[in-house]
N, C-alpha and C. Protein backbone atom coordinates (compact mmCIF):
# COMPACT_ATOMS: atom_id res chain seq x y z
N MET A 1 145.81 -13.48 64.31
CA MET A 1 147.02 -13.91 63.66
C MET A 1 147.44 -12.79 62.83
N PRO A 2 148.72 -12.54 62.99
CA PRO A 2 149.08 -11.20 62.20
C PRO A 2 148.74 -11.23 60.66
N GLY A 3 148.59 -10.22 60.04
CA GLY A 3 148.14 -10.11 58.69
C GLY A 3 149.01 -10.66 57.63
N LYS A 4 148.59 -11.21 56.65
CA LYS A 4 149.67 -11.59 55.79
C LYS A 4 150.36 -10.74 54.92
N ALA A 5 151.63 -10.64 54.70
CA ALA A 5 152.25 -9.61 54.11
C ALA A 5 152.37 -10.13 52.77
N LYS A 6 152.68 -9.16 51.63
CA LYS A 6 152.84 -9.52 50.24
C LYS A 6 154.13 -10.28 50.17
N ALA A 7 154.13 -11.24 49.28
CA ALA A 7 155.13 -12.18 49.03
C ALA A 7 156.28 -11.65 48.06
N THR A 8 156.08 -10.37 47.65
CA THR A 8 157.24 -9.96 46.93
C THR A 8 157.83 -8.66 47.85
N TYR A 9 159.08 -8.64 47.94
CA TYR A 9 159.74 -7.55 48.85
C TYR A 9 160.94 -7.10 47.89
N HIS A 10 161.53 -5.82 48.21
CA HIS A 10 162.37 -5.18 47.33
C HIS A 10 163.53 -4.38 48.48
N HIS A 11 164.85 -4.77 48.23
CA HIS A 11 165.82 -4.32 48.90
C HIS A 11 165.77 -4.10 50.43
N GLY A 12 165.58 -5.21 51.19
CA GLY A 12 165.42 -4.94 52.60
C GLY A 12 164.02 -4.96 53.18
N ASP A 13 163.05 -4.59 52.34
CA ASP A 13 161.72 -4.59 52.86
C ASP A 13 161.22 -5.99 53.52
N LEU A 14 161.92 -7.01 53.07
CA LEU A 14 161.66 -8.44 53.82
C LEU A 14 162.16 -8.34 55.27
N ARG A 15 163.44 -7.68 55.35
CA ARG A 15 164.01 -7.97 56.86
C ARG A 15 163.12 -6.94 57.71
N GLU A 16 162.61 -5.96 57.46
CA GLU A 16 161.63 -5.08 58.16
C GLU A 16 160.42 -5.73 58.33
N ALA A 17 159.97 -6.56 57.49
CA ALA A 17 158.52 -7.19 57.67
C ALA A 17 158.47 -8.20 58.57
N LEU A 18 159.91 -9.18 58.51
CA LEU A 18 160.14 -10.00 59.31
C LEU A 18 160.02 -9.56 60.86
N LEU A 19 160.74 -8.46 61.04
CA LEU A 19 161.01 -7.78 62.58
C LEU A 19 159.68 -7.49 62.83
N ARG A 20 158.72 -6.66 62.01
CA ARG A 20 157.43 -6.34 62.22
C ARG A 20 156.64 -7.41 62.70
N GLU A 21 156.58 -8.44 61.99
CA GLU A 21 155.50 -9.58 62.13
C GLU A 21 155.99 -10.57 63.25
N ALA A 22 157.19 -10.70 63.32
CA ALA A 22 157.82 -11.73 64.59
C ALA A 22 157.10 -11.56 65.75
N PRO A 23 156.89 -10.53 66.48
CA PRO A 23 156.51 -10.13 67.67
C PRO A 23 154.92 -10.93 67.88
N GLY A 24 154.08 -10.67 66.87
CA GLY A 24 152.80 -11.27 66.72
C GLY A 24 152.69 -12.72 66.53
N CYS A 25 153.79 -13.26 65.74
CA CYS A 25 153.93 -14.58 65.68
C CYS A 25 154.33 -15.43 67.05
N ILE A 26 155.25 -14.77 67.75
CA ILE A 26 155.66 -15.20 69.04
C ILE A 26 154.46 -15.19 70.02
N ALA A 27 153.74 -14.15 69.80
CA ALA A 27 152.67 -13.88 70.83
C ALA A 27 151.85 -15.08 70.75
N GLU A 28 151.29 -15.59 69.26
CA GLU A 28 150.44 -16.53 69.12
C GLU A 28 151.05 -18.06 69.33
N HIS A 29 152.20 -18.26 69.16
CA HIS A 29 152.72 -19.64 69.03
C HIS A 29 153.51 -20.03 70.34
N GLY A 30 154.06 -18.68 70.99
CA GLY A 30 155.06 -18.81 72.04
C GLY A 30 156.45 -18.99 71.63
N LEU A 31 157.46 -18.34 72.47
CA LEU A 31 158.80 -18.29 72.09
C LEU A 31 159.34 -19.73 71.72
N GLU A 32 159.07 -20.57 72.54
CA GLU A 32 159.71 -22.01 72.27
C GLU A 32 159.37 -22.44 71.04
N LYS A 33 158.06 -22.45 70.62
CA LYS A 33 157.65 -23.17 69.34
C LYS A 33 157.71 -22.04 68.13
N PHE A 34 157.90 -20.86 68.24
CA PHE A 34 158.20 -19.77 67.32
C PHE A 34 159.53 -20.28 66.30
N THR A 35 159.23 -20.30 65.03
CA THR A 35 160.43 -20.75 64.12
C THR A 35 160.34 -19.71 63.15
N LEU A 36 161.47 -19.59 62.33
CA LEU A 36 161.68 -18.82 61.10
C LEU A 36 161.07 -19.57 59.96
N ARG A 37 160.62 -20.78 59.93
CA ARG A 37 159.96 -21.46 58.81
C ARG A 37 158.34 -20.94 59.16
N GLY A 38 157.97 -20.94 60.29
CA GLY A 38 156.60 -20.64 60.47
C GLY A 38 156.26 -19.21 60.26
N LEU A 39 157.33 -18.24 60.66
CA LEU A 39 157.48 -16.89 60.34
C LEU A 39 157.23 -16.64 58.85
N ALA A 40 158.17 -17.40 57.88
CA ALA A 40 157.99 -17.23 56.57
C ALA A 40 156.87 -17.70 55.94
N ARG A 41 156.20 -18.83 56.41
CA ARG A 41 154.89 -19.41 55.89
C ARG A 41 153.94 -18.02 56.38
N ASP A 42 153.82 -17.52 57.43
CA ASP A 42 152.77 -16.50 57.63
C ASP A 42 153.07 -15.29 57.03
N LEU A 43 154.31 -14.90 56.39
CA LEU A 43 154.44 -13.90 55.53
C LEU A 43 154.44 -14.36 54.18
N GLY A 44 154.32 -15.31 53.88
CA GLY A 44 153.93 -15.98 52.41
C GLY A 44 155.21 -15.94 51.58
N VAL A 45 156.37 -16.23 52.37
CA VAL A 45 157.61 -16.37 51.79
C VAL A 45 158.43 -17.57 51.76
N THR A 46 159.29 -18.03 51.00
CA THR A 46 160.17 -19.17 51.28
C THR A 46 161.11 -18.99 52.46
N HIS A 47 161.33 -20.14 53.24
CA HIS A 47 162.18 -20.06 54.52
C HIS A 47 163.46 -19.48 53.92
N GLY A 48 163.80 -19.97 52.82
CA GLY A 48 165.24 -19.64 52.31
C GLY A 48 165.54 -17.88 52.16
N ALA A 49 164.18 -17.27 51.79
CA ALA A 49 164.41 -15.88 51.71
C ALA A 49 164.74 -15.39 53.29
N VAL A 50 164.11 -15.62 54.20
CA VAL A 50 164.21 -15.53 55.40
C VAL A 50 165.62 -15.58 56.01
N TYR A 51 166.35 -16.71 55.80
CA TYR A 51 167.75 -16.96 55.85
C TYR A 51 168.63 -16.25 55.39
N ARG A 52 168.31 -15.54 54.35
CA ARG A 52 169.32 -14.56 53.94
C ARG A 52 169.32 -13.40 54.66
N HIS A 53 168.22 -13.23 55.68
CA HIS A 53 168.52 -11.86 56.49
C HIS A 53 168.93 -12.21 57.98
N PHE A 54 168.42 -13.45 58.38
CA PHE A 54 168.86 -13.91 59.67
C PHE A 54 169.35 -15.40 59.46
N SER A 55 170.58 -15.68 59.90
CA SER A 55 170.98 -16.97 59.68
C SER A 55 170.59 -18.10 60.61
N ASP A 56 169.69 -17.82 61.78
CA ASP A 56 169.24 -18.54 62.67
C ASP A 56 167.79 -17.75 63.48
N LYS A 57 167.20 -18.51 64.14
CA LYS A 57 166.27 -17.87 65.08
C LYS A 57 166.86 -16.77 65.98
N ARG A 58 167.91 -17.15 66.71
CA ARG A 58 168.32 -16.39 67.65
C ARG A 58 169.00 -15.03 67.13
N GLU A 59 169.55 -15.04 65.77
CA GLU A 59 169.74 -13.73 65.37
C GLU A 59 168.66 -12.77 65.32
N LEU A 60 167.54 -13.47 64.85
CA LEU A 60 166.26 -12.59 64.55
C LEU A 60 166.00 -12.11 65.91
N LEU A 61 165.96 -12.89 67.09
CA LEU A 61 165.54 -12.61 68.42
C LEU A 61 166.51 -11.45 68.99
N VAL A 62 167.79 -11.65 68.54
CA VAL A 62 168.83 -10.39 69.05
C VAL A 62 168.42 -9.13 68.38
N ALA A 63 168.03 -9.19 67.05
CA ALA A 63 167.79 -7.89 66.47
C ALA A 63 166.21 -7.39 66.99
N LEU A 64 165.69 -8.18 67.57
CA LEU A 64 164.16 -7.73 68.33
C LEU A 64 164.89 -7.02 69.57
N ALA A 65 165.53 -8.08 70.16
CA ALA A 65 165.90 -7.24 71.56
C ALA A 65 166.72 -6.11 71.48
N LEU A 66 167.61 -5.78 70.59
CA LEU A 66 168.32 -4.71 70.36
C LEU A 66 167.33 -3.46 70.17
N ALA A 67 166.38 -3.65 69.10
CA ALA A 67 165.43 -2.59 69.13
C ALA A 67 164.58 -2.36 70.30
N GLY A 68 164.18 -3.29 71.01
CA GLY A 68 163.44 -3.34 72.14
C GLY A 68 164.31 -2.40 73.27
N HIS A 69 165.35 -2.53 73.43
CA HIS A 69 166.24 -1.95 74.40
C HIS A 69 166.45 -0.66 74.21
N GLU A 70 166.38 -0.40 72.84
CA GLU A 70 166.66 1.16 72.41
C GLU A 70 165.37 1.98 72.83
N ASP A 71 164.34 1.40 72.48
CA ASP A 71 162.93 2.13 72.60
C ASP A 71 162.58 2.27 74.22
N PHE A 72 162.89 0.95 75.00
CA PHE A 72 162.65 0.93 76.39
C PHE A 72 163.50 1.86 77.08
N ALA A 73 164.91 2.10 76.76
CA ALA A 73 165.72 2.97 77.42
C ALA A 73 165.27 4.25 77.12
N GLN A 74 164.84 4.70 75.95
CA GLN A 74 164.34 6.09 75.61
C GLN A 74 163.15 6.33 76.46
N THR A 75 162.42 5.44 76.62
CA THR A 75 160.88 5.54 77.46
C THR A 75 161.41 5.89 78.91
N LEU A 76 162.37 5.09 79.51
CA LEU A 76 162.63 5.07 80.91
C LEU A 76 163.49 6.49 81.10
N CYS A 77 164.21 7.02 80.10
CA CYS A 77 164.99 8.35 80.31
C CYS A 77 164.15 9.30 80.36
N ALA A 78 162.99 9.30 79.37
CA ALA A 78 162.15 10.38 79.47
C ALA A 78 161.43 10.60 80.59
N ALA A 79 161.07 9.39 81.58
CA ALA A 79 160.28 9.42 82.59
C ALA A 79 161.14 10.01 83.69
N ALA A 80 162.64 9.39 83.69
CA ALA A 80 163.47 9.55 84.92
C ALA A 80 163.89 11.22 84.53
N SER A 81 163.66 11.87 83.60
CA SER A 81 164.18 13.10 83.51
C SER A 81 163.08 14.31 83.77
N ASP A 82 162.07 13.56 84.21
CA ASP A 82 161.09 14.59 84.89
C ASP A 82 161.43 15.42 85.95
N GLU A 83 161.20 16.65 86.20
CA GLU A 83 161.65 17.52 87.26
C GLU A 83 161.14 17.64 88.29
N GLY A 84 160.02 16.76 88.54
CA GLY A 84 159.31 16.70 89.90
C GLY A 84 160.24 16.07 91.08
N ASP A 85 159.57 15.86 92.23
CA ASP A 85 160.25 15.44 93.46
C ASP A 85 160.65 14.09 93.11
N VAL A 86 161.47 13.61 94.00
CA VAL A 86 162.02 12.47 93.81
C VAL A 86 160.91 11.05 94.14
N GLU A 87 160.05 11.29 94.80
CA GLU A 87 158.97 10.28 94.74
C GLU A 87 158.16 10.27 93.45
N ARG A 88 157.99 11.35 92.97
CA ARG A 88 157.05 11.39 91.74
C ARG A 88 157.89 10.96 90.51
N VAL A 89 159.43 11.04 90.63
CA VAL A 89 160.25 10.57 89.42
C VAL A 89 160.32 9.15 89.37
N ILE A 90 160.52 8.53 90.78
CA ILE A 90 160.49 7.01 90.86
C ILE A 90 159.30 6.47 90.37
N LYS A 91 157.98 7.01 90.78
CA LYS A 91 156.77 6.54 90.44
C LYS A 91 156.46 6.55 88.95
N LEU A 92 156.89 7.62 88.52
CA LEU A 92 156.53 7.85 86.97
C LEU A 92 157.47 6.71 86.01
N THR A 93 158.72 6.69 86.56
CA THR A 93 159.80 5.79 86.02
C THR A 93 158.99 4.35 86.14
N SER A 94 158.75 4.12 87.25
CA SER A 94 158.15 2.74 87.39
C SER A 94 156.98 2.43 86.53
N ARG A 95 155.84 3.35 86.56
CA ARG A 95 154.84 3.10 85.66
C ARG A 95 155.26 3.18 84.26
N ALA A 96 156.30 3.99 83.69
CA ALA A 96 156.67 3.80 82.39
C ALA A 96 157.18 2.40 82.08
N TYR A 97 157.89 1.95 83.04
CA TYR A 97 158.55 0.58 82.80
C TYR A 97 157.62 -0.54 82.44
N VAL A 98 156.51 -0.36 83.67
CA VAL A 98 155.36 -1.37 83.41
C VAL A 98 154.46 -1.35 82.28
N ARG A 99 154.14 -0.04 82.00
CA ARG A 99 153.47 0.23 80.95
C ARG A 99 154.27 -0.28 79.49
N TRP A 100 155.42 -0.04 79.44
CA TRP A 100 156.11 -0.56 78.25
C TRP A 100 156.15 -1.96 78.04
N ALA A 101 156.56 -2.53 79.19
CA ALA A 101 156.47 -3.96 79.54
C ALA A 101 155.52 -4.80 79.20
N LEU A 102 154.37 -4.31 79.40
CA LEU A 102 153.20 -5.03 79.25
C LEU A 102 152.36 -4.75 77.92
N ALA A 103 152.91 -3.58 77.32
CA ALA A 103 152.39 -3.47 75.99
C ALA A 103 153.17 -3.77 74.67
N ASN A 104 154.53 -4.44 75.27
CA ASN A 104 155.30 -5.02 74.43
C ASN A 104 155.70 -6.33 74.87
N ASP A 105 154.76 -7.04 75.33
CA ASP A 105 155.10 -8.32 76.12
C ASP A 105 155.88 -9.35 75.41
N SER A 106 155.78 -9.64 73.94
CA SER A 106 156.77 -10.43 73.46
C SER A 106 158.16 -10.05 73.30
N ILE A 107 158.31 -8.64 73.02
CA ILE A 107 159.73 -8.30 72.85
C ILE A 107 160.24 -8.24 74.42
N TYR A 108 159.48 -7.93 75.42
CA TYR A 108 159.95 -7.70 76.68
C TYR A 108 160.51 -9.18 77.08
N ALA A 109 159.67 -10.27 76.87
CA ALA A 109 159.95 -11.73 76.89
C ALA A 109 161.44 -12.14 76.49
N ILE A 110 161.70 -11.40 75.27
CA ILE A 110 162.96 -11.82 74.72
C ILE A 110 164.04 -11.12 75.44
N MET A 111 163.89 -9.67 75.63
CA MET A 111 164.99 -9.02 76.21
C MET A 111 165.30 -9.29 77.53
N PHE A 112 164.41 -10.05 78.20
CA PHE A 112 164.66 -10.31 79.51
C PHE A 112 164.45 -11.95 79.94
N GLY A 113 164.53 -12.70 78.76
CA GLY A 113 164.33 -14.07 78.85
C GLY A 113 165.67 -14.86 78.74
N PRO A 114 165.83 -15.96 78.41
CA PRO A 114 166.93 -16.68 78.22
C PRO A 114 168.16 -15.80 77.70
N ARG A 115 169.18 -16.22 78.12
CA ARG A 115 170.33 -15.26 77.58
C ARG A 115 170.53 -15.77 76.41
N LEU A 116 170.65 -14.55 75.25
CA LEU A 116 170.98 -14.69 74.01
C LEU A 116 172.42 -14.51 73.50
N ASN A 117 173.24 -14.24 74.43
CA ASN A 117 174.66 -13.83 74.13
C ASN A 117 175.66 -14.81 74.82
N GLU A 118 175.24 -16.13 75.16
CA GLU A 118 175.74 -16.89 75.92
C GLU A 118 177.29 -17.30 75.48
N ASP A 119 177.34 -17.33 74.11
CA ASP A 119 178.63 -17.80 73.36
C ASP A 119 179.29 -16.54 73.01
N GLY A 120 178.91 -15.20 73.34
CA GLY A 120 179.71 -13.95 73.06
C GLY A 120 179.65 -13.65 71.55
N ARG A 121 178.66 -14.24 70.89
CA ARG A 121 178.49 -13.84 69.35
C ARG A 121 177.93 -12.42 69.18
N HIS A 122 177.20 -11.95 70.26
CA HIS A 122 176.48 -10.68 69.97
C HIS A 122 176.80 -9.86 71.05
N PRO A 123 178.07 -9.22 71.23
CA PRO A 123 178.27 -8.22 72.36
C PRO A 123 177.57 -7.03 72.30
N GLU A 124 177.10 -6.85 71.29
CA GLU A 124 176.10 -5.52 71.11
C GLU A 124 175.01 -5.49 71.98
N LEU A 125 174.57 -6.79 72.14
CA LEU A 125 173.50 -6.87 73.19
C LEU A 125 173.66 -6.51 74.69
N GLU A 126 175.00 -6.87 74.95
CA GLU A 126 175.36 -6.29 76.34
C GLU A 126 175.35 -4.91 76.49
N SER A 127 175.76 -4.17 75.52
CA SER A 127 175.61 -2.84 75.35
C SER A 127 174.41 -2.20 75.54
N ALA A 128 173.40 -2.91 74.83
CA ALA A 128 172.06 -2.55 74.77
C ALA A 128 171.44 -2.64 76.03
N ILE A 129 171.58 -3.80 76.91
CA ILE A 129 171.41 -4.08 78.09
C ILE A 129 171.59 -2.96 79.26
N GLU A 130 172.79 -2.74 79.24
CA GLU A 130 173.47 -1.82 79.89
C GLU A 130 172.82 -0.24 79.81
N LYS A 131 172.55 0.10 78.36
CA LYS A 131 171.89 1.34 78.32
C LYS A 131 170.64 1.40 78.93
N THR A 132 169.93 0.25 79.08
CA THR A 132 168.61 0.29 79.74
C THR A 132 168.80 0.59 81.12
N PHE A 133 169.72 -0.28 81.95
CA PHE A 133 170.14 0.00 83.15
C PHE A 133 170.51 1.41 83.54
N ARG A 134 171.37 2.02 82.71
CA ARG A 134 171.93 3.31 82.83
C ARG A 134 170.76 4.51 82.83
N ALA A 135 169.61 4.09 82.18
CA ALA A 135 168.61 4.92 81.88
C ALA A 135 167.79 5.15 83.35
N VAL A 136 167.99 4.13 84.23
CA VAL A 136 167.52 4.06 85.63
C VAL A 136 168.46 4.52 86.49
N ASP A 137 169.83 4.21 86.46
CA ASP A 137 170.85 4.61 87.17
C ASP A 137 170.78 6.10 87.34
N ALA A 138 170.36 7.00 85.96
CA ALA A 138 170.39 8.34 86.01
C ALA A 138 169.51 8.94 87.16
N LEU A 139 168.43 8.13 87.33
CA LEU A 139 167.44 8.87 88.28
C LEU A 139 168.06 8.96 89.72
N PHE A 140 168.91 7.91 90.00
CA PHE A 140 169.51 8.17 91.40
C PHE A 140 171.02 8.94 91.50
N GLU A 141 171.54 8.96 90.06
CA GLU A 141 172.97 9.61 90.50
C GLU A 141 172.76 11.19 90.41
N GLN A 142 171.64 11.54 89.98
CA GLN A 142 171.40 13.08 90.09
C GLN A 142 171.37 13.46 91.70
N HIS A 143 171.25 12.45 92.35
CA HIS A 143 171.18 12.97 93.77
C HIS A 143 172.59 12.67 94.58
N SER A 144 173.66 12.86 93.91
CA SER A 144 174.89 12.82 94.37
C SER A 144 175.29 11.37 94.76
N LEU A 145 174.73 10.28 94.41
CA LEU A 145 175.07 9.09 94.77
C LEU A 145 176.21 8.57 93.82
N SER A 146 177.01 7.73 94.32
CA SER A 146 178.32 7.06 93.68
C SER A 146 177.51 6.21 92.55
N LYS A 147 178.26 6.13 91.42
CA LYS A 147 177.78 5.17 90.48
C LYS A 147 177.43 3.82 90.88
N ALA A 148 178.20 3.44 91.89
CA ALA A 148 178.00 1.89 92.33
C ALA A 148 176.53 1.80 93.13
N ARG A 149 176.55 2.96 93.95
CA ARG A 149 175.28 2.73 94.89
C ARG A 149 174.06 3.17 94.03
N ALA A 150 174.34 3.84 92.88
CA ALA A 150 173.19 4.32 91.97
C ALA A 150 172.74 2.91 91.48
N ARG A 151 173.52 2.15 90.97
CA ARG A 151 173.54 1.22 90.28
C ARG A 151 172.68 0.05 91.26
N HIS A 152 173.16 0.02 92.45
CA HIS A 152 172.45 -0.92 93.30
C HIS A 152 171.02 -0.64 93.71
N LEU A 153 170.64 0.70 93.71
CA LEU A 153 169.33 0.97 93.65
C LEU A 153 168.69 0.76 92.51
N SER A 154 169.16 1.13 91.52
CA SER A 154 168.38 0.77 90.27
C SER A 154 168.02 -0.75 90.07
N VAL A 155 169.00 -1.70 90.35
CA VAL A 155 168.65 -2.75 90.26
C VAL A 155 167.71 -3.41 91.65
N SER A 156 167.66 -2.85 92.60
CA SER A 156 166.48 -3.07 93.53
C SER A 156 165.24 -2.57 92.86
N LEU A 157 164.98 -1.42 92.42
CA LEU A 157 163.74 -0.99 91.70
C LEU A 157 163.62 -1.81 90.65
N MET A 158 164.39 -2.16 89.57
CA MET A 158 164.09 -2.92 88.53
C MET A 158 163.60 -4.56 88.83
N THR A 159 164.27 -4.99 89.69
CA THR A 159 164.13 -6.19 90.13
C THR A 159 162.57 -6.44 90.34
N GLN A 160 162.29 -5.39 91.27
CA GLN A 160 160.73 -5.49 91.76
C GLN A 160 159.91 -5.13 90.56
N LEU A 161 160.11 -4.27 89.78
CA LEU A 161 159.20 -4.17 88.58
C LEU A 161 159.28 -5.20 87.61
N HIS A 162 160.33 -5.98 87.60
CA HIS A 162 160.41 -7.15 86.59
C HIS A 162 159.55 -8.14 87.35
N GLY A 163 159.51 -8.22 88.38
CA GLY A 163 158.92 -9.46 89.08
C GLY A 163 157.51 -9.11 88.89
N PHE A 164 157.13 -7.95 89.16
CA PHE A 164 155.55 -7.40 88.88
C PHE A 164 155.30 -7.72 87.60
N CYS A 165 155.95 -7.19 86.63
CA CYS A 165 155.61 -7.63 85.27
C CYS A 165 155.42 -9.03 84.92
N ASP A 166 156.35 -9.97 85.46
CA ASP A 166 156.18 -11.26 85.02
C ASP A 166 155.01 -12.01 85.59
N LEU A 167 154.87 -11.44 86.91
CA LEU A 167 153.39 -12.03 87.66
C LEU A 167 152.12 -11.55 86.78
N VAL A 168 152.22 -10.31 86.26
CA VAL A 168 151.08 -9.73 85.65
C VAL A 168 150.90 -10.65 84.20
N ARG A 169 152.10 -10.67 83.59
CA ARG A 169 152.18 -11.38 82.23
C ARG A 169 151.65 -12.91 82.27
N LEU A 170 152.22 -13.49 83.43
CA LEU A 170 151.90 -14.88 83.44
C LEU A 170 150.43 -15.20 84.33
N ARG A 171 149.82 -14.04 84.63
CA ARG A 171 148.57 -14.07 85.32
C ARG A 171 148.51 -14.78 86.61
N ARG A 172 149.53 -14.60 87.32
CA ARG A 172 149.69 -14.84 88.67
C ARG A 172 149.12 -13.72 89.47
N ILE A 173 149.24 -12.59 89.00
CA ILE A 173 148.52 -11.38 89.48
C ILE A 173 147.44 -11.01 88.32
N ARG A 174 146.18 -11.23 88.70
CA ARG A 174 145.02 -10.66 87.70
C ARG A 174 144.49 -9.39 87.78
N VAL A 175 144.65 -8.75 86.84
CA VAL A 175 144.11 -7.36 86.76
C VAL A 175 143.41 -7.12 85.53
N ARG A 176 142.51 -6.19 85.51
CA ARG A 176 141.64 -5.87 84.43
C ARG A 176 141.99 -4.76 83.70
N GLY A 177 142.84 -5.01 82.56
CA GLY A 177 143.33 -4.12 81.97
C GLY A 177 144.75 -3.00 82.46
N ALA A 178 145.30 -2.33 81.61
CA ALA A 178 146.58 -1.72 81.87
C ALA A 178 146.43 -0.58 83.14
N LYS A 179 145.18 -0.17 83.17
CA LYS A 179 144.93 0.94 84.24
C LYS A 179 144.89 0.31 85.48
N ALA A 180 144.35 -0.75 85.73
CA ALA A 180 144.26 -1.50 86.96
C ALA A 180 145.72 -2.03 87.35
N ALA A 181 146.29 -2.54 86.26
CA ALA A 181 147.67 -3.07 86.64
C ALA A 181 148.78 -1.95 87.21
N GLU A 182 148.33 -0.69 86.68
CA GLU A 182 149.23 0.50 87.11
C GLU A 182 149.03 0.88 88.48
N ALA A 183 147.68 0.94 88.75
CA ALA A 183 147.11 0.97 90.13
C ALA A 183 147.55 0.01 91.10
N TYR A 184 147.60 -1.03 90.91
CA TYR A 184 148.09 -2.19 91.70
C TYR A 184 149.78 -1.90 91.89
N LEU A 185 150.33 -1.77 90.85
CA LEU A 185 151.82 -1.46 90.81
C LEU A 185 152.05 -0.26 92.04
N MET A 186 151.38 0.72 91.84
CA MET A 186 151.85 1.90 92.77
C MET A 186 151.60 1.32 94.21
N GLN A 187 150.60 0.62 94.49
CA GLN A 187 150.46 0.05 95.84
C GLN A 187 151.46 -0.86 96.08
N SER A 188 151.72 -1.88 95.48
CA SER A 188 152.88 -2.95 95.69
C SER A 188 154.23 -2.27 95.88
N ILE A 189 154.55 -1.24 95.02
CA ILE A 189 155.97 -0.61 95.23
C ILE A 189 156.02 0.35 96.50
N GLU A 190 154.87 0.86 97.14
CA GLU A 190 155.10 1.86 97.91
C GLU A 190 156.10 1.70 99.00
N PRO A 191 156.38 0.45 99.71
CA PRO A 191 157.14 0.40 100.70
C PRO A 191 158.63 0.64 100.09
N LEU A 192 159.00 0.04 98.99
CA LEU A 192 160.12 0.51 98.33
C LEU A 192 160.53 1.94 97.69
N VAL A 193 159.47 2.46 97.40
CA VAL A 193 159.49 3.81 97.06
C VAL A 193 159.80 4.66 98.40
N ARG A 194 159.30 4.40 99.52
CA ARG A 194 159.61 5.07 100.59
C ARG A 194 161.02 4.90 101.14
N GLY A 195 161.47 3.92 101.02
CA GLY A 195 162.97 3.48 101.42
C GLY A 195 163.85 4.15 100.41
N LEU A 196 163.55 4.17 98.94
CA LEU A 196 164.40 4.82 98.21
C LEU A 196 164.46 6.52 98.50
N CYS A 197 163.21 6.97 98.66
CA CYS A 197 163.33 8.23 99.00
C CYS A 197 163.77 8.72 100.27
N ALA A 198 164.06 7.89 101.30
CA ALA A 198 164.54 8.13 102.65
C ALA A 198 166.22 8.10 102.25
N GLU A 199 166.60 7.47 101.47
CA GLU A 199 167.96 7.30 101.27
C GLU A 199 168.56 8.47 100.34
N LEU A 200 167.62 9.01 99.53
CA LEU A 200 167.96 10.07 98.56
C LEU A 200 167.68 11.61 99.37
N ASP A 201 167.20 11.55 100.38
CA ASP A 201 166.76 12.86 101.17
C ASP A 201 168.01 13.58 101.48
């Protein structure tokens, strides 16, 4: 269980504490059972204090997703900008994707779980999601592909990586630790990597 935070906060400290503690609370109770009231209880504050920062559960989840996509996109950009050959860069990016997703399980589930912007209240979330896709697009665009074709390859790669992550997260693929997951990942994506490299040669 996340450690209890102090009950008194000053000028925005509570908002940061809520965002910091929420992933642990979600991991403990599950996304569906996670509530702002429960989070307030874990932090030792009134639920009214929480609602002064987030009007509802979805607003907090959107804030977590936005921060997650920002960090995730930076991680993917760093891997995709490696100056090695294309096979190396695809594998580095794939490894970075899975490593981040499994290390940030609760946040990843929010980012790629049920749609949070169904009613258009949070258009900034669409931009954040696009930034994540653009980080992978860049890997393929540097090989003189059109943006449309680069996006097609990005979606192909991300679809397999996302599926792999979900299977590991849900324990449909059982691996012992992060290193074992990455080793199995490299085996499972080998056919796709060969196909991508053939197109980019």
